[in-house]
């Protein structure tokens, strides 16, 4: 597992003295939590992956205490589940729950787009255009990894443009829950090209300050229906899903 400069700095802080051990452990646990969350959201740690405390502690060069705290925090946020025999595991979900999550995501992102159409600043619109142009280039290069990352940036700009802190926070939280699965949508044949057209529809509605159309366009973009949904579920590794 890779070390980050932030994590290494936190480790050095923890080891630099003995006067504030509790505070340093909390700080290190939070840094570990963020590092593991990033890897889960990015798909480096897929649903169903076991997170062994001892292995993680050895990998990061820390004690098990901050690792345990980090895993508990991730479990509280739904990204990790604590199983009696396996310990901590990256959370898996049922097909029914996954479909529900995408449906809720469509509504929440639709609301962000609606608010963005009413509140986006010129800077927000420029940022959307820049992200969209980079998506077109990623499609031209046939680079789904970059496409996925830039697509995320495009949506982030819309969250910011909504200027609704609570709505954006809740949308990001749910997006992080479905992110390991959502990556597989990008890799579906023709999906990247379709995304370009869908984003243009969303962006045009936001530029025109058409809140109703922006909401509809985003809802249609995020929701998975019919054959698209069937193909997506068929592409998921069985280890990422649970029966019930």
Protein backbone atom coordinates (compact mmCIF):
# COMPACT_ATOMS: atom_id res chain seq x y z
CA UNK A 1 0.00 0.00 0.00
CA UNK A 2 1.38 3.38 -0.98
CA UNK A 3 2.47 5.95 1.57
CA UNK A 4 1.51 9.58 1.08
CA UNK A 5 3.53 12.61 2.12
CA UNK A 6 0.68 13.71 4.39
CA UNK A 7 0.58 10.31 6.07
CA UNK A 8 4.34 10.22 6.56
CA UNK A 9 4.22 13.68 8.11
CA UNK A 10 1.52 12.52 10.50
CA UNK A 11 3.60 9.48 11.45
CA UNK A 12 6.60 11.70 12.15
CA UNK A 13 4.40 13.96 14.28
CA UNK A 14 3.18 10.98 16.29
CA UNK A 15 6.73 9.80 16.93
CA UNK A 16 8.24 13.19 17.71
CA UNK A 17 7.36 13.21 21.42
CA UNK A 18 5.28 11.70 24.17
CA UNK A 19 3.32 14.67 25.51
CA UNK A 20 0.30 14.62 23.20
CA UNK A 21 -0.05 10.97 22.24
CA UNK A 22 -3.86 10.96 22.21
CA UNK A 23 -4.12 14.03 20.00
CA UNK A 24 -1.49 12.69 17.62
CA UNK A 25 -3.22 9.30 17.40
CA UNK A 26 -6.50 10.97 16.49
CA UNK A 27 -4.75 13.06 13.83
CA UNK A 28 -3.03 10.00 12.41
CA UNK A 29 -6.27 7.99 12.46
CA UNK A 30 -8.00 10.73 10.45
CA UNK A 31 -5.15 10.80 7.95
CA UNK A 32 -5.35 7.03 7.60
CA UNK A 33 -9.12 7.23 7.18
CA UNK A 34 -8.78 9.72 4.35
CA UNK A 35 -6.09 7.65 2.66
CA UNK A 36 -8.16 4.47 2.79
CA UNK A 37 -11.30 6.33 1.73
CA UNK A 38 -9.48 7.68 -1.32
CA UNK A 39 -8.33 4.19 -2.28
CA UNK A 40 -11.84 2.76 -1.85
CA UNK A 41 -13.48 5.52 -3.86
CA UNK A 42 -10.82 5.21 -6.58
CA UNK A 43 -11.44 1.48 -6.84
CA UNK A 44 -7.96 0.48 -5.64
CA UNK A 45 -9.69 -1.36 -2.78
CA UNK A 46 -12.77 -3.03 -4.27
CA UNK A 47 -15.91 -4.02 -2.35
CA UNK A 48 -15.33 -7.29 -0.56
CA UNK A 49 -11.62 -6.62 0.05
CA UNK A 50 -10.50 -7.57 3.56
CA UNK A 51 -8.73 -4.82 5.50
CA UNK A 52 -6.42 -6.54 7.96
CA UNK A 53 -5.39 -4.32 10.87
CA UNK A 54 -1.95 -5.90 11.25
CA UNK A 55 -1.15 -5.67 7.54
CA UNK A 56 -2.30 -2.07 7.36
CA UNK A 57 -0.29 -1.11 10.44
CA UNK A 58 2.83 -2.72 9.01
CA UNK A 59 2.26 -1.18 5.58
CA UNK A 60 1.92 2.34 6.96
CA UNK A 61 4.50 1.86 9.70
CA UNK A 62 2.13 2.73 12.55
CA UNK A 63 0.55 1.01 15.53
CA UNK A 64 -2.79 -0.79 15.26
CA UNK A 65 -4.62 1.83 17.34
CA UNK A 66 -4.95 4.54 14.63
CA UNK A 67 -5.70 1.84 12.05
CA UNK A 68 -8.53 0.53 14.21
CA UNK A 69 -9.92 4.05 14.69
CA UNK A 70 -9.73 4.74 10.96
CA UNK A 71 -11.62 1.55 10.14
CA UNK A 72 -14.32 2.34 12.70
CA UNK A 73 -14.77 5.77 11.18
CA UNK A 74 -15.05 4.30 7.68
CA UNK A 75 -17.60 1.78 8.99
CA UNK A 76 -19.66 4.62 10.45
CA UNK A 77 -19.73 6.22 7.01
CA UNK A 78 -20.77 2.99 5.28
CA UNK A 79 -17.60 2.43 3.25
CA UNK A 80 -16.43 -0.43 5.48
CA UNK A 81 -18.36 -3.14 7.30
CA UNK A 82 -17.15 -5.00 10.38
CA UNK A 83 -17.73 -8.75 10.09
CA UNK A 84 -17.46 -11.10 13.06
CA UNK A 85 -15.04 -13.57 11.48
CA UNK A 86 -13.35 -11.53 8.76
CA UNK A 87 -12.94 -8.24 10.57
CA UNK A 88 -13.07 -5.09 8.44
CA UNK A 89 -14.13 -5.49 4.80
CA UNK A 90 -14.80 -2.88 2.12
CA UNK A 91 -18.59 -2.72 2.05
CA UNK A 92 -20.55 -4.75 -0.46
CA UNK A 93 -24.19 -4.16 -1.33
CA UNK A 94 -27.04 -6.07 -2.93
CA UNK A 95 -28.19 -5.47 -6.50
CA UNK A 96 -31.46 -4.05 -5.18
CA UNK A 97 -29.62 -1.60 -2.93
CA UNK A 98 -27.28 -0.60 -5.77
CA UNK A 99 -30.25 0.22 -8.00
CA UNK A 100 -31.84 2.26 -5.20
CA UNK A 101 -28.58 4.15 -4.67
CA UNK A 102 -28.38 5.10 -8.33
CA UNK A 103 -32.00 6.23 -8.24
CA UNK A 104 -31.34 8.43 -5.21
CA UNK A 105 -28.10 9.69 -6.78
CA UNK A 106 -30.05 10.72 -9.87
CA UNK A 107 -32.46 12.77 -7.75
CA UNK A 108 -29.74 14.38 -5.65
CA UNK A 109 -27.50 15.22 -8.58
CA UNK A 110 -30.56 16.48 -10.42
CA UNK A 111 -31.24 18.87 -7.56
CA UNK A 112 -27.61 20.07 -7.66
CA UNK A 113 -27.94 20.74 -11.40
CA UNK A 114 -31.24 22.56 -10.87
CA UNK A 115 -29.69 24.84 -8.27
CA UNK A 116 -26.57 25.31 -10.41
CA UNK A 117 -28.75 26.55 -13.26
CA UNK A 118 -30.03 29.26 -10.93
CA UNK A 119 -26.81 30.06 -9.08
CA UNK A 120 -23.75 29.22 -11.19
CA UNK A 121 -21.23 32.04 -11.56
CA UNK A 122 -19.17 32.75 -14.70
CA UNK A 123 -16.25 31.02 -12.98
CA UNK A 124 -18.35 27.90 -12.46
CA UNK A 125 -19.38 27.88 -16.10
CA UNK A 126 -15.77 28.24 -17.22
CA UNK A 127 -14.74 25.36 -14.98
CA UNK A 128 -17.52 23.19 -16.45
CA UNK A 129 -16.38 24.04 -19.97
CA UNK A 130 -12.76 23.24 -19.17
CA UNK A 131 -13.71 19.88 -17.65
CA UNK A 132 -15.94 19.10 -20.61
CA UNK A 133 -13.15 19.88 -23.08
CA UNK A 134 -10.81 17.56 -21.18
CA UNK A 135 -13.45 14.83 -21.30
CA UNK A 136 -13.61 15.15 -25.07
CA UNK A 137 -9.82 14.81 -25.23
CA UNK A 138 -9.87 11.75 -22.94
CA UNK A 139 -12.46 10.18 -25.23
CA UNK A 140 -10.31 10.97 -28.27
CA UNK A 141 -7.33 9.34 -26.56
CA UNK A 142 -9.41 6.31 -25.54
CA UNK A 143 -8.41 6.76 -21.89
CA UNK A 144 -11.27 5.59 -19.62
CA UNK A 145 -9.26 6.11 -16.42
CA UNK A 146 -8.67 9.79 -17.12
CA UNK A 147 -12.22 10.10 -18.44
CA UNK A 148 -13.61 8.80 -15.15
CA UNK A 149 -11.49 11.21 -13.10
CA UNK A 150 -12.40 14.25 -15.22
CA UNK A 151 -16.06 13.24 -15.25
CA UNK A 152 -15.93 13.35 -11.47
CA UNK A 153 -14.47 16.87 -11.66
CA UNK A 154 -17.32 17.97 -13.95
CA UNK A 155 -19.87 16.80 -11.40
CA UNK A 156 -17.89 18.41 -8.58
CA UNK A 157 -18.15 21.78 -10.30
CA UNK A 158 -21.91 21.37 -10.48
CA UNK A 159 -22.07 20.54 -6.77
CA UNK A 160 -20.09 23.70 -6.03
CA UNK A 161 -22.20 25.75 -8.45
CA UNK A 162 -25.36 24.69 -6.61
CA UNK A 163 -24.09 26.76 -3.66
CA UNK A 164 -26.05 24.44 -1.37
CA UNK A 165 -23.54 23.12 1.14
CA UNK A 166 -25.72 20.48 2.79
CA UNK A 167 -27.11 19.12 -0.49
CA UNK A 168 -23.62 18.96 -2.01
CA UNK A 169 -22.22 17.24 1.09
CA UNK A 170 -24.92 14.57 1.07
CA UNK A 171 -24.53 14.06 -2.67
CA UNK A 172 -20.78 13.56 -2.31
CA UNK A 173 -21.30 11.11 0.55
CA UNK A 174 -23.62 8.92 -1.49
CA UNK A 175 -21.41 9.26 -4.57
CA UNK A 176 -18.49 7.92 -2.53
CA UNK A 177 -20.60 4.91 -1.50
CA UNK A 178 -21.37 4.00 -5.10
CA UNK A 179 -18.04 5.13 -6.60
CA UNK A 180 -16.43 1.65 -6.69
CA UNK A 181 -19.43 0.44 -8.70
CA UNK A 182 -19.91 3.60 -10.72
CA UNK A 183 -16.45 3.20 -12.27
CA UNK A 184 -17.75 0.16 -14.13
CA UNK A 185 -20.33 2.31 -15.93
CA UNK A 186 -17.53 4.27 -17.62
CA UNK A 187 -16.04 1.08 -19.06
CA UNK A 188 -19.27 -0.02 -20.73
CA UNK A 189 -19.02 0.06 -24.56
CA UNK A 190 -20.13 3.43 -25.93
CA UNK A 191 -20.63 4.92 -22.48
CA UNK A 192 -17.92 7.57 -22.73
CA UNK A 193 -19.26 8.88 -26.03
CA UNK A 194 -22.80 8.95 -24.63
CA UNK A 195 -21.57 10.87 -21.58
CA UNK A 196 -20.26 13.69 -23.78
CA UNK A 197 -23.70 14.30 -25.28
CA UNK A 198 -25.42 14.03 -21.90
CA UNK A 199 -23.01 16.51 -20.34
CA UNK A 200 -23.60 18.95 -23.20
CA UNK A 201 -27.32 18.79 -22.52
CA UNK A 202 -26.74 19.47 -18.80
CA UNK A 203 -24.23 22.25 -19.44
CA UNK A 204 -26.42 23.96 -22.03
CA UNK A 205 -29.35 23.96 -19.60
CA UNK A 206 -27.20 25.46 -16.85
CA UNK A 207 -25.86 28.14 -19.20
CA UNK A 208 -29.43 28.97 -20.24
CA UNK A 209 -30.49 29.12 -16.57
CA UNK A 210 -33.14 26.50 -17.38
CA UNK A 211 -33.50 24.83 -13.97
CA UNK A 212 -36.18 22.33 -15.02
CA UNK A 213 -34.19 21.06 -18.01
CA UNK A 214 -30.93 20.95 -16.04
CA UNK A 215 -32.59 18.75 -13.43
CA UNK A 216 -34.15 16.44 -16.04
CA UNK A 217 -30.90 16.17 -17.98
CA UNK A 218 -28.87 15.30 -14.91
CA UNK A 219 -31.44 12.81 -13.67
CA UNK A 220 -31.43 11.06 -17.05
CA UNK A 221 -27.63 11.10 -17.11
CA UNK A 222 -27.14 9.44 -13.72
CA UNK A 223 -30.03 6.98 -13.69
CA UNK A 224 -29.45 3.54 -15.17
CA UNK A 225 -32.45 2.04 -16.94
CA UNK A 226 -33.28 -0.89 -19.20
CA UNK A 227 -30.42 -2.53 -21.08
CA UNK A 228 -27.87 -0.09 -19.66
CA UNK A 229 -28.70 -1.27 -16.15
CA UNK A 230 -28.65 -4.95 -17.13
CA UNK A 231 -25.30 -4.63 -18.91
CA UNK A 232 -23.81 -2.72 -15.99
CA UNK A 233 -24.82 -5.32 -13.39
CA UNK A 234 -23.58 -8.15 -15.62
CA UNK A 235 -20.15 -6.48 -15.79
CA UNK A 236 -19.70 -6.29 -12.01
CA UNK A 237 -17.51 -8.93 -10.35
CA UNK A 238 -19.66 -11.18 -8.18
CA UNK A 239 -17.36 -10.49 -5.22
CA UNK A 240 -18.56 -6.86 -5.21
CA UNK A 241 -22.16 -7.86 -4.53
CA UNK A 242 -23.86 -9.78 -1.77
CA UNK A 243 -26.94 -11.95 -2.08
CA UNK A 244 -28.96 -10.19 0.62
